[in-house]
Every structure is written in structure tokens, then in C-alpha cells.
Amino acid sequence: TFQLVAFITAFFICLYAHMFKLLQAQKAQSRQTLRMIRRSIFALFAQLSVPLLTIAIPIGLLFTSMF
């Protein structure tokens, strides 16, 4: 279970890093387009981090209660 959570977290971190690279590559675009892309990236981060936290927090509590 812990390996699955670690894999999912690493996958999303790589996904966000790739999105930020794409965002920096689009600097020639207008400021409004950059703002829209940045907002969509943060919205995606918020939507994906909530389910990950709901998985990670009980697992973390389980591991801390074991010791």
C-alpha cells in the first residue's frame, strides 16, 4: 500500500514538473494565456492533492500508531 501511494505521488510530482516546463516554454504567449495556464495547473494540483491526502493521512496515522 505504501509503495502504491509513493508511486502515485512520484507520478503526480513528475506531471506537475512537466506542466511547469511547458508553462515556461510558453513565455512568448500573451500574459492572459499564461495566467489561464497557471490557474489551470493550480486547480489540477488542488483537485489531485485532496484524494492523495485522504489516502496518505490514514496510512501515516496507521504507521505512527504501530510504533
PDB file of N, CA and C in Angstrom:
ATOM      1  N   THR A   1       0.827  -1.194   0.000  1.00  0.00           N
ATOM      2  CA  THR A   1       0.000   0.000   0.000  1.00  0.00           C
ATOM      3  C   THR A   1       0.865   1.250   0.000  1.00  0.00           C
ATOM      4  N   PHE A   2       1.905   1.245   0.834  1.00  0.00           N
ATOM      5  CA  PHE A   2       2.790   2.409   0.898  1.00  0.00           C
ATOM      6  C   PHE A   2       3.504   2.628  -0.433  1.00  0.00           C
ATOM      7  N   GLN A   3       3.894   1.531  -1.088  1.00  0.00           N
ATOM      8  CA  GLN A   3       4.572   1.657  -2.380  1.00  0.00           C
ATOM      9  C   GLN A   3       3.634   2.245  -3.429  1.00  0.00           C
ATOM     10  N   LEU A   4       2.374   1.886  -3.378  1.00  0.00           N
ATOM     11  CA  LEU A   4       1.397   2.440  -4.315  1.00  0.00           C
ATOM     12  C   LEU A   4       1.230   3.942  -4.107  1.00  0.00           C
ATOM     13  N   VAL A   5       1.123   4.369  -2.861  1.00  0.00           N
ATOM     14  CA  VAL A   5       0.991   5.796  -2.560  1.00  0.00           C
ATOM     15  C   VAL A   5       2.247   6.540  -2.992  1.00  0.00           C
ATOM     16  N   ALA A   6       3.423   5.950  -2.749  1.00  0.00           N
ATOM     17  CA  ALA A   6       4.674   6.587  -3.158  1.00  0.00           C
ATOM     18  C   ALA A   6       4.757   6.695  -4.678  1.00  0.00           C
ATOM     19  N   PHE A   7       4.326   5.666  -5.386  1.00  0.00           N
ATOM     20  CA  PHE A   7       4.350   5.705  -6.847  1.00  0.00           C
ATOM     21  C   PHE A   7       3.399   6.763  -7.387  1.00  0.00           C
ATOM     22  N   ILE A   8       2.194   6.820  -6.841  1.00  0.00           N
ATOM     23  CA  ILE A   8       1.215   7.812  -7.299  1.00  0.00           C
ATOM     24  C   ILE A   8       1.720   9.221  -7.023  1.00  0.00           C
ATOM     25  N   THR A   9       2.304   9.434  -5.853  1.00  0.00           N
ATOM     26  CA  THR A   9       2.839  10.753  -5.509  1.00  0.00           C
ATOM     27  C   THR A   9       3.972  11.133  -6.446  1.00  0.00           C
ATOM     28  N   ALA A  10       4.890  10.208  -6.718  1.00  0.00           N
ATOM     29  CA  ALA A  10       6.002  10.491  -7.633  1.00  0.00           C
ATOM     30  C   ALA A  10       5.490  10.775  -9.042  1.00  0.00           C
ATOM     31  N   PHE A  11       4.472  10.054  -9.455  1.00  0.00           N
ATOM     32  CA  PHE A  11       3.898  10.283 -10.780  1.00  0.00           C
ATOM     33  C   PHE A  11       3.333  11.691 -10.896  1.00  0.00           C
ATOM     34  N   PHE A  12       2.585  12.119  -9.877  1.00  0.00           N
ATOM     35  CA  PHE A  12       1.994  13.452  -9.936  1.00  0.00           C
ATOM     36  C   PHE A  12       3.043  14.550  -9.822  1.00  0.00           C
ATOM     37  N   ILE A  13       4.101  14.323  -9.064  1.00  0.00           N
ATOM     38  CA  ILE A  13       5.182  15.311  -8.990  1.00  0.00           C
ATOM     39  C   ILE A  13       5.837  15.463 -10.354  1.00  0.00           C
ATOM     40  N   CYS A  14       6.075  14.353 -11.038  1.00  0.00           N
ATOM     41  CA  CYS A  14       6.640  14.421 -12.398  1.00  0.00           C
ATOM     42  C   CYS A  14       5.677  15.117 -13.357  1.00  0.00           C
ATOM     43  N   LEU A  15       4.398  14.858 -13.202  1.00  0.00           N
ATOM     44  CA  LEU A  15       3.396  15.503 -14.050  1.00  0.00           C
ATOM     45  C   LEU A  15       3.399  17.014 -13.849  1.00  0.00           C
ATOM     46  N   TYR A  16       3.468  17.456 -12.589  1.00  0.00           N
ATOM     47  CA  TYR A  16       3.487  18.893 -12.323  1.00  0.00           C
ATOM     48  C   TYR A  16       4.772  19.530 -12.831  1.00  0.00           C
ATOM     49  N   ALA A  17       5.905  18.837 -12.677  1.00  0.00           N
ATOM     50  CA  ALA A  17       7.166  19.380 -13.186  1.00  0.00           C
ATOM     51  C   ALA A  17       7.102  19.543 -14.699  1.00  0.00           C
ATOM     52  N   HIS A  18       6.514  18.576 -15.372  1.00  0.00           N
ATOM     53  CA  HIS A  18       6.372  18.667 -16.826  1.00  0.00           C
ATOM     54  C   HIS A  18       5.463  19.837 -17.208  1.00  0.00           C
ATOM     55  N   MET A  19       4.385  20.032 -16.460  1.00  0.00           N
ATOM     56  CA  MET A  19       3.479  21.143 -16.756  1.00  0.00           C
ATOM     57  C   MET A  19       4.159  22.489 -16.550  1.00  0.00           C
ATOM     58  N   PHE A  20       4.982  22.603 -15.507  1.00  0.00           N
ATOM     59  CA  PHE A  20       5.678  23.866 -15.286  1.00  0.00           C
ATOM     60  C   PHE A  20       6.721  24.118 -16.368  1.00  0.00           C
ATOM     61  N   LYS A  21       7.348  23.057 -16.879  1.00  0.00           N
ATOM     62  CA  LYS A  21       8.277  23.228 -18.005  1.00  0.00           C
ATOM     63  C   LYS A  21       7.534  23.718 -19.238  1.00  0.00           C
ATOM     64  N   LEU A  22       6.366  23.147 -19.486  1.00  0.00           N
ATOM     65  CA  LEU A  22       5.556  23.613 -20.610  1.00  0.00           C
ATOM     66  C   LEU A  22       5.142  25.063 -20.424  1.00  0.00           C
ATOM     67  N   LEU A  23       4.829  25.414 -19.195  1.00  0.00           N
ATOM     68  CA  LEU A  23       4.429  26.794 -18.911  1.00  0.00           C
ATOM     69  C   LEU A  23       5.576  27.762 -19.180  1.00  0.00           C
ATOM     70  N   GLN A  24       6.783  27.389 -18.801  1.00  0.00           N
ATOM     71  CA  GLN A  24       7.932  28.257 -19.042  1.00  0.00           C
ATOM     72  C   GLN A  24       8.269  28.321 -20.519  1.00  0.00           C
ATOM     73  N   ALA A  25       8.005  27.249 -21.255  1.00  0.00           N
ATOM     74  CA  ALA A  25       8.283  27.249 -22.689  1.00  0.00           C
ATOM     75  C   ALA A  25       7.306  28.140 -23.444  1.00  0.00           C
ATOM     76  N   GLN A  26       6.198  28.462 -22.835  1.00  0.00           N
ATOM     77  CA  GLN A  26       5.168  29.265 -23.491  1.00  0.00           C
ATOM     78  C   GLN A  26       5.311  30.750 -23.169  1.00  0.00           C
ATOM     79  N   LYS A  27       6.492  31.189 -22.783  1.00  0.00           N
ATOM     80  CA  LYS A  27       6.672  32.588 -22.384  1.00  0.00           C
ATOM     81  C   LYS A  27       6.399  33.568 -23.515  1.00  0.00           C
ATOM     82  N   ALA A  28       6.470  33.117 -24.740  1.00  0.00           N
ATOM     83  CA  ALA A  28       6.198  34.001 -25.870  1.00  0.00           C
ATOM     84  C   ALA A  28       4.705  34.296 -26.002  1.00  0.00           C
ATOM     85  N   GLN A  29       3.886  33.541 -25.311  1.00  0.00           N
ATOM     86  CA  GLN A  29       2.438  33.749 -25.367  1.00  0.00           C
ATOM     87  C   GLN A  29       2.063  35.029 -24.615  1.00  0.00           C
ATOM     88  N   SER A  30       0.835  35.415 -24.758  1.00  0.00           N
ATOM     89  CA  SER A  30       0.365  36.614 -24.071  1.00  0.00           C
ATOM     90  C   SER A  30       0.262  36.360 -22.567  1.00  0.00           C
ATOM     91  N   ARG A  31       0.221  37.443 -21.810  1.00  0.00           N
ATOM     92  CA  ARG A  31       0.148  37.326 -20.349  1.00  0.00           C
ATOM     93  C   ARG A  31      -1.163  36.685 -19.909  1.00  0.00           C
ATOM     94  N   GLN A  32      -2.223  36.950 -20.642  1.00  0.00           N
ATOM     95  CA  GLN A  32      -3.522  36.382 -20.273  1.00  0.00           C
ATOM     96  C   GLN A  32      -3.517  34.860 -20.455  1.00  0.00           C
ATOM     97  N   THR A  33      -2.881  34.391 -21.510  1.00  0.00           N
ATOM     98  CA  THR A  33      -2.793  32.945 -21.727  1.00  0.00           C
ATOM     99  C   THR A  33      -1.974  32.291 -20.625  1.00  0.00           C
ATOM    100  N   LEU A  34      -0.861  32.921 -20.249  1.00  0.00           N
ATOM    101  CA  LEU A  34      -0.037  32.381 -19.169  1.00  0.00           C
ATOM    102  C   LEU A  34      -0.817  32.328 -17.858  1.00  0.00           C
ATOM    103  N   ARG A  35      -1.593  33.362 -17.592  1.00  0.00           N
ATOM    104  CA  ARG A  35      -2.397  33.384 -16.373  1.00  0.00           C
ATOM    105  C   ARG A  35      -3.408  32.242 -16.371  1.00  0.00           C
ATOM    106  N   MET A  36      -4.028  32.009 -17.513  1.00  0.00           N
ATOM    107  CA  MET A  36      -5.016  30.944 -17.614  1.00  0.00           C
ATOM    108  C   MET A  36      -4.360  29.571 -17.420  1.00  0.00           C
ATOM    109  N   ILE A  37      -3.194  29.367 -18.033  1.00  0.00           N
ATOM    110  CA  ILE A  37      -2.494  28.091 -17.877  1.00  0.00           C
ATOM    111  C   ILE A  37      -2.084  27.887 -16.427  1.00  0.00           C
ATOM    112  N   ARG A  38      -1.578  28.938 -15.801  1.00  0.00           N
ATOM    113  CA  ARG A  38      -1.142  28.841 -14.406  1.00  0.00           C
ATOM    114  C   ARG A  38      -2.321  28.507 -13.497  1.00  0.00           C
ATOM    115  N   ARG A  39      -3.456  29.136 -13.726  1.00  0.00           N
ATOM    116  CA  ARG A  39      -4.641  28.842 -12.912  1.00  0.00           C
ATOM    117  C   ARG A  39      -5.092  27.399 -13.092  1.00  0.00           C
ATOM    118  N   SER A  40      -5.041  26.908 -14.323  1.00  0.00           N
ATOM    119  CA  SER A  40      -5.477  25.530 -14.559  1.00  0.00           C
ATOM    120  C   SER A  40      -4.529  24.535 -13.907  1.00  0.00           C
ATOM    121  N   ILE A  41      -3.229  24.853 -13.880  1.00  0.00           N
ATOM    122  CA  ILE A  41      -2.269  23.959 -13.221  1.00  0.00           C
ATOM    123  C   ILE A  41      -2.532  23.920 -11.719  1.00  0.00           C
ATOM    124  N   PHE A  42      -2.767  25.078 -11.109  1.00  0.00           N
ATOM    125  CA  PHE A  42      -3.038  25.099  -9.673  1.00  0.00           C
ATOM    126  C   PHE A  42      -4.362  24.416  -9.347  1.00  0.00           C
ATOM    127  N   ALA A  43      -5.357  24.570 -10.213  1.00  0.00           N
ATOM    128  CA  ALA A  43      -6.634  23.892  -9.993  1.00  0.00           C
ATOM    129  C   ALA A  43      -6.460  22.380 -10.083  1.00  0.00           C
ATOM    130  N   LEU A  44      -5.670  21.931 -11.049  1.00  0.00           N
ATOM    131  CA  LEU A  44      -5.403  20.498 -11.176  1.00  0.00           C
ATOM    132  C   LEU A  44      -4.659  19.978  -9.956  1.00  0.00           C
ATOM    133  N   PHE A  45      -3.697  20.749  -9.469  1.00  0.00           N
ATOM    134  CA  PHE A  45      -2.951  20.360  -8.275  1.00  0.00           C
ATOM    135  C   PHE A  45      -3.887  20.219  -7.082  1.00  0.00           C
ATOM    136  N   ALA A  46      -4.796  21.157  -6.917  1.00  0.00           N
ATOM    137  CA  ALA A  46      -5.732  21.094  -5.791  1.00  0.00           C
ATOM    138  C   ALA A  46      -6.662  19.892  -5.921  1.00  0.00           C
ATOM    139  N   GLN A  47      -7.120  19.621  -7.142  1.00  0.00           N
ATOM    140  CA  GLN A  47      -8.041  18.504  -7.338  1.00  0.00           C
ATOM    141  C   GLN A  47      -7.367  17.161  -7.103  1.00  0.00           C
ATOM    142  N   LEU A  48      -6.088  17.052  -7.421  1.00  0.00           N
ATOM    143  CA  LEU A  48      -5.403  15.775  -7.268  1.00  0.00           C
ATOM    144  C   LEU A  48      -4.785  15.599  -5.888  1.00  0.00           C
ATOM    145  N   SER A  49      -4.447  16.693  -5.213  1.00  0.00           N
ATOM    146  CA  SER A  49      -3.793  16.552  -3.917  1.00  0.00           C
ATOM    147  C   SER A  49      -4.779  16.154  -2.819  1.00  0.00           C
ATOM    148  N   VAL A  50      -6.039  16.529  -2.949  1.00  0.00           N
ATOM    149  CA  VAL A  50      -7.020  16.174  -1.917  1.00  0.00           C
ATOM    150  C   VAL A  50      -7.218  14.655  -1.825  1.00  0.00           C
ATOM    151  N   PRO A  51      -7.431  13.938  -2.940  1.00  0.00           N
ATOM    152  CA  PRO A  51      -7.533  12.470  -2.805  1.00  0.00           C
ATOM    153  C   PRO A  51      -6.245  11.822  -2.311  1.00  0.00           C
ATOM    154  N   LEU A  52      -5.099  12.362  -2.728  1.00  0.00           N
ATOM    155  CA  LEU A  52      -3.836  11.800  -2.249  1.00  0.00           C
ATOM    156  C   LEU A  52      -3.691  11.989  -0.747  1.00  0.00           C
ATOM    157  N   LEU A  53      -4.096  13.150  -0.248  1.00  0.00           N
ATOM    158  CA  LEU A  53      -4.014  13.377   1.192  1.00  0.00           C
ATOM    159  C   LEU A  53      -4.989  12.493   1.952  1.00  0.00           C
ATOM    160  N   THR A  54      -6.159  12.241   1.387  1.00  0.00           N
ATOM    161  CA  THR A  54      -7.109  11.369   2.077  1.00  0.00           C
ATOM    162  C   THR A  54      -6.608   9.928   2.128  1.00  0.00           C
ATOM    163  N   ILE A  55      -5.715   9.571   1.221  1.00  0.00           N
ATOM    164  CA  ILE A  55      -5.095   8.245   1.277  1.00  0.00           C
ATOM    165  C   ILE A  55      -3.886   8.265   2.203  1.00  0.00           C
ATOM    166  N   ALA A  56      -3.070   9.318   2.105  1.00  0.00           N
ATOM    167  CA  ALA A  56      -1.793   9.352   2.820  1.00  0.00           C
ATOM    168  C   ALA A  56      -1.965   9.585   4.316  1.00  0.00           C
ATOM    169  N   ILE A  57      -2.920  10.396   4.721  1.00  0.00           N
ATOM    170  CA  ILE A  57      -3.075  10.712   6.148  1.00  0.00           C
ATOM    171  C   ILE A  57      -3.450   9.475   6.970  1.00  0.00           C
ATOM    172  N   PRO A  58      -4.442   8.667   6.575  1.00  0.00           N
ATOM    173  CA  PRO A  58      -4.723   7.462   7.376  1.00  0.00           C
ATOM    174  C   PRO A  58      -3.565   6.463   7.386  1.00  0.00           C
ATOM    175  N   ILE A  59      -2.853   6.357   6.271  1.00  0.00           N
ATOM    176  CA  ILE A  59      -1.704   5.445   6.240  1.00  0.00           C
ATOM    177  C   ILE A  59      -0.617   5.951   7.177  1.00  0.00           C
ATOM    178  N   GLY A  60      -0.385   7.265   7.163  1.00  0.00           N
ATOM    179  CA  GLY A  60       0.603   7.836   8.081  1.00  0.00           C
ATOM    180  C   GLY A  60       0.204   7.640   9.528  1.00  0.00           C
ATOM    181  N   LEU A  61      -1.078   7.821   9.829  1.00  0.00           N
ATOM    182  CA  LEU A  61      -1.544   7.596  11.197  1.00  0.00           C
ATOM    183  C   LEU A  61      -1.421   6.128  11.590  1.00  0.00           C
ATOM    184  N   LEU A  62      -1.665   5.248  10.646  1.00  0.00           N
ATOM    185  CA  LEU A  62      -1.526   3.821  10.923  1.00  0.00           C
ATOM    186  C   LEU A  62      -0.085   3.474  11.260  1.00  0.00           C
ATOM    187  N   PHE A  63       0.863   4.017  10.481  1.00  0.00           N
ATOM    188  CA  PHE A  63       2.272   3.715  10.732  1.00  0.00           C
ATOM    189  C   PHE A  63       2.754   4.335  12.037  1.00  0.00           C
ATOM    190  N   THR A  64       2.283   5.522  12.373  1.00  0.00           N
ATOM    191  CA  THR A  64       2.731   6.129  13.629  1.00  0.00           C
ATOM    192  C   THR A  64       2.119   5.430  14.832  1.00  0.00           C
ATOM    193  N   SER A  65       0.937   4.852  14.687  1.00  0.00           N
ATOM    194  CA  SER A  65       0.338   4.140  15.816  1.00  0.00           C
ATOM    195  C   SER A  65       0.969   2.767  16.012  1.00  0.00           C
ATOM    196  N   MET A  66       1.665   2.258  14.993  1.00  0.00           N
ATOM    197  CA  MET A  66       2.304   0.947  15.118  1.00  0.00           C
ATOM    198  C   MET A  66       3.552   1.016  15.985  1.00  0.00           C
ATOM    199  N   PHE A  67       4.185   2.171  16.038  1.00  0.00           N
ATOM    200  CA  PHE A  67       5.473   2.256  16.743  1.00  0.00           C
ATOM    201  C   PHE A  67       5.325   2.793  18.129  1.00  0.00           C
TER     202      PHE A  67
END
